[in-house]
Amino acid sequence: MRCFGDGSELYERYHDLEWGRPVTDDRGLFERISLEAMQSGLSWLVVLRKRPTLRRAWRNFEAEKVASMTEVDVRRLLADPGVIRNRAKIEATVANARALVALAERGESLADLVWSHRPARSVAPRTLDDIPAITPESTALAKALKRLGLRFVGPTTIYASMQACGVVNDHVSGCTVRAEVEREQRDAVRRMGARSGVRGVGGLGRRTPGRAGRPG
């Protein structure tokens, strides 16, 4: 059984092959956080359908290239029907890229920051209704990102990013890919810990249930 996605080939592939699979590189994390911010107020399927165009328009979400964008690029994007044409979100994505470039120039990593907020323990949700919309970890990470100068990174958006990037495993207990995703996450934590000191059981504490979070 799948947690979600049945009936849409695109959504099924996303569920089976991407959602919850660990993303441990800065470029990949910037893309996922950006897409989650762009999705706000829209169906996630809209983002999935536009993703190839979004990658082209946003220079494959390479932070240095996005950071160099100017008002001319903003106007170009606002006129492009293949992207999500919201000025605030476009300007935020450029600002976020500049903040991440500055972070890298200080010798720090977005990946290390994100994965340091992995919760210490988690329980497999029985249904999607058991999945919270925010957690103490997503709230703390959102605050840390905002201190760096990032925008559109509230705790709900950030929790969705943590789900998508495999920082947490919110595949439900009966899902056909949950065990495989869990193994991949453990392997990712070991690799991250070896290179940067991310804790194997990491983070700030146990997740607390709340309003169900949407897959994204």
C-alpha atoms as a PDB file:
ATOM      1  CA  MET A   1       0.000   0.000   0.000  1.00  0.00           C
ATOM      2  CA  ARG A   2       1.061   3.607  -0.606  1.00  0.00           C
ATOM      3  CA  CYS A   3       0.632   6.473   1.841  1.00  0.00           C
ATOM      4  CA  PHE A   4      -0.568   8.673  -1.009  1.00  0.00           C
ATOM      5  CA  GLY A   5      -0.348   9.114  -4.749  1.00  0.00           C
ATOM      6  CA  ASP A   6      -2.496   6.278  -6.076  1.00  0.00           C
ATOM      7  CA  GLY A   7      -4.177   7.220  -9.330  1.00  0.00           C
ATOM      8  CA  SER A   8      -1.511   9.615 -10.593  1.00  0.00           C
ATOM      9  CA  GLU A   9       1.569   8.107 -12.229  1.00  0.00           C
ATOM     10  CA  LEU A  10       3.608  11.232 -11.452  1.00  0.00           C
ATOM     11  CA  TYR A  11       2.529  11.274  -7.807  1.00  0.00           C
ATOM     12  CA  GLU A  12       3.066   7.517  -7.462  1.00  0.00           C
ATOM     13  CA  ARG A  13       6.655   7.862  -8.712  1.00  0.00           C
ATOM     14  CA  TYR A  14       7.236  10.740  -6.327  1.00  0.00           C
ATOM     15  CA  HIS A  15       5.951   8.679  -3.403  1.00  0.00           C
ATOM     16  CA  ASP A  16       7.858   5.538  -4.314  1.00  0.00           C
ATOM     17  CA  LEU A  17      11.175   7.019  -5.403  1.00  0.00           C
ATOM     18  CA  GLU A  18      11.607  10.427  -3.755  1.00  0.00           C
ATOM     19  CA  TRP A  19       9.473  11.294  -0.730  1.00  0.00           C
ATOM     20  CA  GLY A  20      11.438  10.498   2.407  1.00  0.00           C
ATOM     21  CA  ARG A  21      14.573   9.426   0.539  1.00  0.00           C
ATOM     22  CA  PRO A  22      17.577  11.231   2.049  1.00  0.00           C
ATOM     23  CA  VAL A  23      18.830  14.388   0.364  1.00  0.00           C
ATOM     24  CA  THR A  24      22.209  15.312   1.830  1.00  0.00           C
ATOM     25  CA  ASP A  25      23.694  17.833  -0.600  1.00  0.00           C
ATOM     26  CA  ASP A  26      23.230  21.583  -0.363  1.00  0.00           C
ATOM     27  CA  ARG A  27      21.951  21.990  -3.924  1.00  0.00           C
ATOM     28  CA  GLY A  28      19.320  19.295  -3.491  1.00  0.00           C
ATOM     29  CA  LEU A  29      18.185  20.719  -0.169  1.00  0.00           C
ATOM     30  CA  PHE A  30      17.953  24.232  -1.601  1.00  0.00           C
ATOM     31  CA  GLU A  31      15.777  22.894  -4.410  1.00  0.00           C
ATOM     32  CA  ARG A  32      13.431  21.024  -2.068  1.00  0.00           C
ATOM     33  CA  ILE A  33      13.074  23.938   0.351  1.00  0.00           C
ATOM     34  CA  SER A  34      12.452  26.281  -2.587  1.00  0.00           C
ATOM     35  CA  LEU A  35       9.816  24.004  -4.104  1.00  0.00           C
ATOM     36  CA  GLU A  36       8.047  23.637  -0.766  1.00  0.00           C
ATOM     37  CA  ALA A  37       7.959  27.425  -0.402  1.00  0.00           C
ATOM     38  CA  MET A  38       6.658  27.819  -3.954  1.00  0.00           C
ATOM     39  CA  GLN A  39       3.984  25.186  -3.285  1.00  0.00           C
ATOM     40  CA  SER A  40       2.400  27.177  -0.468  1.00  0.00           C
ATOM     41  CA  GLY A  41      -1.262  27.641  -1.353  1.00  0.00           C
ATOM     42  CA  LEU A  42      -1.075  25.277  -4.344  1.00  0.00           C
ATOM     43  CA  SER A  43      -1.434  21.570  -5.014  1.00  0.00           C
ATOM     44  CA  TRP A  44       1.850  19.655  -4.795  1.00  0.00           C
ATOM     45  CA  LEU A  45       0.974  18.081  -8.134  1.00  0.00           C
ATOM     46  CA  VAL A  46       1.200  21.539  -9.699  1.00  0.00           C
ATOM     47  CA  VAL A  47       4.801  21.770  -8.502  1.00  0.00           C
ATOM     48  CA  LEU A  48       5.647  18.248  -9.685  1.00  0.00           C
ATOM     49  CA  ARG A  49       4.273  18.975 -13.147  1.00  0.00           C
ATOM     50  CA  LYS A  50       6.212  22.227 -13.374  1.00  0.00           C
ATOM     51  CA  ARG A  51       9.434  20.902 -11.866  1.00  0.00           C
ATOM     52  CA  PRO A  52      11.381  20.378 -15.130  1.00  0.00           C
ATOM     53  CA  THR A  53      10.550  23.940 -16.181  1.00  0.00           C
ATOM     54  CA  LEU A  54      11.267  25.260 -12.706  1.00  0.00           C
ATOM     55  CA  ARG A  55      14.712  23.653 -12.733  1.00  0.00           C
ATOM     56  CA  ARG A  56      15.538  25.252 -16.061  1.00  0.00           C
ATOM     57  CA  ALA A  57      14.206  28.656 -15.032  1.00  0.00           C
ATOM     58  CA  TRP A  58      15.947  28.545 -11.660  1.00  0.00           C
ATOM     59  CA  ARG A  59      19.328  27.428 -13.056  1.00  0.00           C
ATOM     60  CA  ASN A  60      18.999  23.969 -11.519  1.00  0.00           C
ATOM     61  CA  PHE A  61      18.763  25.595  -8.094  1.00  0.00           C
ATOM     62  CA  GLU A  62      22.510  26.146  -7.921  1.00  0.00           C
ATOM     63  CA  ALA A  63      22.723  28.767  -5.204  1.00  0.00           C
ATOM     64  CA  GLU A  64      25.542  30.829  -6.723  1.00  0.00           C
ATOM     65  CA  LYS A  65      23.736  31.097 -10.060  1.00  0.00           C
ATOM     66  CA  VAL A  66      20.398  31.965  -8.450  1.00  0.00           C
ATOM     67  CA  ALA A  67      22.092  34.493  -6.170  1.00  0.00           C
ATOM     68  CA  SER A  68      23.335  36.385  -9.234  1.00  0.00           C
ATOM     69  CA  MET A  69      19.805  36.954 -10.538  1.00  0.00           C
ATOM     70  CA  THR A  70      18.695  40.565 -10.934  1.00  0.00           C
ATOM     71  CA  GLU A  71      15.429  42.447 -11.271  1.00  0.00           C
ATOM     72  CA  VAL A  72      15.576  41.688 -15.001  1.00  0.00           C
ATOM     73  CA  ASP A  73      15.478  37.967 -14.156  1.00  0.00           C
ATOM     74  CA  VAL A  74      12.625  38.522 -11.713  1.00  0.00           C
ATOM     75  CA  ARG A  75      10.564  40.212 -14.424  1.00  0.00           C
ATOM     76  CA  ARG A  76      11.428  37.412 -16.846  1.00  0.00           C
ATOM     77  CA  LEU A  77      10.215  34.808 -14.366  1.00  0.00           C
ATOM     78  CA  LEU A  78       7.026  36.739 -13.697  1.00  0.00           C
ATOM     79  CA  ALA A  79       6.286  36.519 -17.419  1.00  0.00           C
ATOM     80  CA  ASP A  80       7.086  32.796 -17.691  1.00  0.00           C
ATOM     81  CA  PRO A  81       3.943  30.578 -17.564  1.00  0.00           C
ATOM     82  CA  GLY A  82       6.123  27.551 -16.834  1.00  0.00           C
ATOM     83  CA  VAL A  83       7.022  28.752 -13.345  1.00  0.00           C
ATOM     84  CA  ILE A  84       5.092  29.804 -10.254  1.00  0.00           C
ATOM     85  CA  ARG A  85       4.600  33.498 -10.898  1.00  0.00           C
ATOM     86  CA  ASN A  86       4.488  35.052  -7.476  1.00  0.00           C
ATOM     87  CA  ARG A  87       6.800  38.019  -6.962  1.00  0.00           C
ATOM     88  CA  ALA A  88       7.230  37.474  -3.227  1.00  0.00           C
ATOM     89  CA  LYS A  89       8.194  33.823  -3.734  1.00  0.00           C
ATOM     90  CA  ILE A  90      10.542  34.655  -6.608  1.00  0.00           C
ATOM     91  CA  GLU A  91      12.300  37.390  -4.656  1.00  0.00           C
ATOM     92  CA  ALA A  92      12.505  35.120  -1.615  1.00  0.00           C
ATOM     93  CA  THR A  93      14.176  32.368  -3.640  1.00  0.00           C
ATOM     94  CA  VAL A  94      16.847  34.780  -4.857  1.00  0.00           C
ATOM     95  CA  ALA A  95      17.363  36.139  -1.337  1.00  0.00           C
ATOM     96  CA  ASN A  96      17.598  32.601   0.029  1.00  0.00           C
ATOM     97  CA  ALA A  97      20.263  31.719  -2.523  1.00  0.00           C
ATOM     98  CA  ARG A  98      22.300  34.741  -1.460  1.00  0.00           C
ATOM     99  CA  ALA A  99      21.979  33.738   2.191  1.00  0.00           C
ATOM    100  CA  LEU A 100      23.200  30.233   1.357  1.00  0.00           C
ATOM    101  CA  VAL A 101      26.155  31.570  -0.619  1.00  0.00           C
ATOM    102  CA  ALA A 102      27.100  33.634   2.419  1.00  0.00           C
ATOM    103  CA  LEU A 103      26.740  30.537   4.598  1.00  0.00           C
ATOM    104  CA  ALA A 104      29.071  28.572   2.326  1.00  0.00           C
ATOM    105  CA  GLU A 105      31.592  31.410   2.317  1.00  0.00           C
ATOM    106  CA  ARG A 106      31.780  31.033   6.106  1.00  0.00           C
ATOM    107  CA  GLY A 107      32.646  27.379   5.602  1.00  0.00           C
ATOM    108  CA  GLU A 108      29.256  26.128   6.785  1.00  0.00           C
ATOM    109  CA  SER A 109      26.802  23.753   5.150  1.00  0.00           C
ATOM    110  CA  LEU A 110      23.045  23.826   4.692  1.00  0.00           C
ATOM    111  CA  ALA A 111      23.076  20.033   4.836  1.00  0.00           C
ATOM    112  CA  ASP A 112      24.787  19.988   8.227  1.00  0.00           C
ATOM    113  CA  LEU A 113      22.301  22.537   9.577  1.00  0.00           C
ATOM    114  CA  VAL A 114      19.228  20.711   8.271  1.00  0.00           C
ATOM    115  CA  TRP A 115      20.317  17.239   9.353  1.00  0.00           C
ATOM    116  CA  SER A 116      21.350  18.441  12.808  1.00  0.00           C
ATOM    117  CA  HIS A 117      17.606  18.935  13.393  1.00  0.00           C
ATOM    118  CA  ARG A 118      16.733  15.292  12.813  1.00  0.00           C
ATOM    119  CA  PRO A 119      14.515  14.192  15.740  1.00  0.00           C
ATOM    120  CA  ALA A 120      15.996  11.868  18.316  1.00  0.00           C
ATOM    121  CA  ARG A 121      13.148   9.348  18.057  1.00  0.00           C
ATOM    122  CA  SER A 122      10.111   8.835  15.906  1.00  0.00           C
ATOM    123  CA  VAL A 123       7.162   6.484  15.782  1.00  0.00           C
ATOM    124  CA  ALA A 124       5.737   5.246  12.503  1.00  0.00           C
ATOM    125  CA  PRO A 125       2.409   6.988  11.871  1.00  0.00           C
ATOM    126  CA  ARG A 126      -0.498   4.611  11.393  1.00  0.00           C
ATOM    127  CA  THR A 127      -2.321   6.988   9.030  1.00  0.00           C
ATOM    128  CA  LEU A 128      -1.621  10.369   7.430  1.00  0.00           C
ATOM    129  CA  ASP A 129      -3.844  11.884  10.121  1.00  0.00           C
ATOM    130  CA  ASP A 130      -1.173  10.951  12.685  1.00  0.00           C
ATOM    131  CA  ILE A 131       1.454  13.087  10.957  1.00  0.00           C
ATOM    132  CA  PRO A 132       2.047  16.523  12.497  1.00  0.00           C
ATOM    133  CA  ALA A 133       2.180  19.730  10.483  1.00  0.00           C
ATOM    134  CA  ILE A 134       4.981  21.151  12.624  1.00  0.00           C
ATOM    135  CA  THR A 135       7.357  19.792  15.240  1.00  0.00           C
ATOM    136  CA  PRO A 136       9.777  21.318  17.751  1.00  0.00           C
ATOM    137  CA  GLU A 137      12.581  20.439  15.335  1.00  0.00           C
ATOM    138  CA  SER A 138      10.956  22.109  12.336  1.00  0.00           C
ATOM    139  CA  THR A 139      10.246  25.189  14.447  1.00  0.00           C
ATOM    140  CA  ALA A 140      13.863  25.352  15.592  1.00  0.00           C
ATOM    141  CA  LEU A 141      15.183  24.831  12.061  1.00  0.00           C
ATOM    142  CA  ALA A 142      12.849  27.488  10.663  1.00  0.00           C
ATOM    143  CA  LYS A 143      14.164  29.960  13.232  1.00  0.00           C
ATOM    144  CA  ALA A 144      17.762  29.070  12.381  1.00  0.00           C
ATOM    145  CA  LEU A 145      17.128  29.566   8.656  1.00  0.00           C
ATOM    146  CA  LYS A 146      15.397  32.888   9.267  1.00  0.00           C
ATOM    147  CA  ARG A 147      18.385  34.067  11.303  1.00  0.00           C
ATOM    148  CA  LEU A 148      20.509  33.369   8.231  1.00  0.00           C
ATOM    149  CA  GLY A 149      18.204  35.590   6.181  1.00  0.00           C
ATOM    150  CA  LEU A 150      16.001  33.005   4.465  1.00  0.00           C
ATOM    151  CA  ARG A 151      12.347  33.782   3.720  1.00  0.00           C
ATOM    152  CA  PHE A 152       9.234  31.639   3.252  1.00  0.00           C
ATOM    153  CA  VAL A 153      10.682  29.109   5.686  1.00  0.00           C
ATOM    154  CA  GLY A 154       8.001  28.831   8.351  1.00  0.00           C
ATOM    155  CA  PRO A 155       7.842  25.685  10.493  1.00  0.00           C
ATOM    156  CA  THR A 156       5.114  24.061   8.363  1.00  0.00           C
ATOM    157  CA  THR A 157       7.053  24.567   5.130  1.00  0.00           C
ATOM    158  CA  ILE A 158      10.214  23.353   6.811  1.00  0.00           C
ATOM    159  CA  TYR A 159       8.561  20.246   8.229  1.00  0.00           C
ATOM    160  CA  ALA A 160       7.298  19.389   4.734  1.00  0.00           C
ATOM    161  CA  SER A 161      10.884  19.826   3.520  1.00  0.00           C
ATOM    162  CA  MET A 162      12.178  17.564   6.292  1.00  0.00           C
ATOM    163  CA  GLN A 163       9.675  14.900   5.224  1.00  0.00           C
ATOM    164  CA  ALA A 164      10.549  15.247   1.548  1.00  0.00           C
ATOM    165  CA  CYS A 165      14.310  15.184   2.172  1.00  0.00           C
ATOM    166  CA  GLY A 166      14.281  12.170   4.465  1.00  0.00           C
ATOM    167  CA  VAL A 167      15.231  13.958   7.667  1.00  0.00           C
ATOM    168  CA  VAL A 168      12.144  12.233   9.074  1.00  0.00           C
ATOM    169  CA  ASN A 169      10.342   9.123   7.845  1.00  0.00           C
ATOM    170  CA  ASP A 170       6.620   9.783   7.736  1.00  0.00           C
ATOM    171  CA  HIS A 171       5.657   6.904   5.505  1.00  0.00           C
ATOM    172  CA  VAL A 172       2.843   5.187   7.403  1.00  0.00           C
ATOM    173  CA  SER A 173       3.447   1.886   9.152  1.00  0.00           C
ATOM    174  CA  GLY A 174       1.866  -0.238   6.416  1.00  0.00           C
ATOM    175  CA  CYS A 175       3.501   1.544   3.482  1.00  0.00           C
ATOM    176  CA  THR A 176       5.409  -0.679   1.082  1.00  0.00           C
ATOM    177  CA  VAL A 177       8.498   1.566   1.036  1.00  0.00           C
ATOM    178  CA  ARG A 178       8.700   2.563   4.711  1.00  0.00           C
ATOM    179  CA  ALA A 179      11.307  -0.042   5.741  1.00  0.00           C
ATOM    180  CA  GLU A 180      13.488   0.693   2.711  1.00  0.00           C
ATOM    181  CA  VAL A 181      13.323   4.432   3.395  1.00  0.00           C
ATOM    182  CA  GLU A 182      14.197   3.817   7.042  1.00  0.00           C
ATOM    183  CA  ARG A 183      17.344   1.926   6.025  1.00  0.00           C
ATOM    184  CA  GLU A 184      18.358   4.673   3.613  1.00  0.00           C
ATOM    185  CA  GLN A 185      17.878   7.294   6.313  1.00  0.00           C
ATOM    186  CA  ARG A 186      20.020   5.385   8.804  1.00  0.00           C
ATOM    187  CA  ASP A 187      22.772   5.054   6.197  1.00  0.00           C
ATOM    188  CA  ALA A 188      22.546   8.783   5.449  1.00  0.00           C
ATOM    189  CA  VAL A 189      22.834   9.666   9.125  1.00  0.00           C
ATOM    190  CA  ARG A 190      25.953   7.528   9.439  1.00  0.00           C
ATOM    191  CA  ARG A 191      27.510   9.231   6.414  1.00  0.00           C
ATOM    192  CA  MET A 192      26.566  12.683   7.667  1.00  0.00           C
ATOM    193  CA  GLY A 193      27.901  11.899  11.126  1.00  0.00           C
ATOM    194  CA  ALA A 194      31.190  10.675   9.708  1.00  0.00           C
ATOM    195  CA  ARG A 195      31.756  13.911   7.822  1.00  0.00           C
ATOM    196  CA  SER A 196      30.280  16.509  10.161  1.00  0.00           C
ATOM    197  CA  GLY A 197      29.307  15.187  13.564  1.00  0.00           C
ATOM    198  CA  VAL A 198      25.564  14.949  12.933  1.00  0.00           C
ATOM    199  CA  ARG A 199      24.195  12.759  15.679  1.00  0.00           C
ATOM    200  CA  GLY A 200      23.058   9.285  14.719  1.00  0.00           C
ATOM    201  CA  VAL A 201      19.963   9.665  16.853  1.00  0.00           C
ATOM    202  CA  GLY A 202      20.300  13.411  16.364  1.00  0.00           C
ATOM    203  CA  GLY A 203      18.251  16.439  16.980  1.00  0.00           C
ATOM    204  CA  LEU A 204      16.236  18.080  19.658  1.00  0.00           C
ATOM    205  CA  GLY A 205      13.793  15.526  20.929  1.00  0.00           C
ATOM    206  CA  ARG A 206      10.796  13.450  20.077  1.00  0.00           C
ATOM    207  CA  ARG A 207       8.205  14.580  17.562  1.00  0.00           C
ATOM    208  CA  THR A 208       4.888  15.602  19.005  1.00  0.00           C
ATOM    209  CA  PRO A 209       1.709  14.802  17.078  1.00  0.00           C
ATOM    210  CA  GLY A 210      -0.383  17.657  15.788  1.00  0.00           C
ATOM    211  CA  ARG A 211      -2.398  18.576  12.724  1.00  0.00           C
ATOM    212  CA  ALA A 212      -1.559  16.192   9.915  1.00  0.00           C
ATOM    213  CA  GLY A 213       1.130  17.416   7.542  1.00  0.00           C
ATOM    214  CA  ARG A 214       0.649  17.188   3.794  1.00  0.00           C
ATOM    215  CA  PRO A 215       3.004  15.167   1.630  1.00  0.00           C
ATOM    216  CA  GLY A 216       5.272  17.500  -0.271  1.00  0.00           C
END
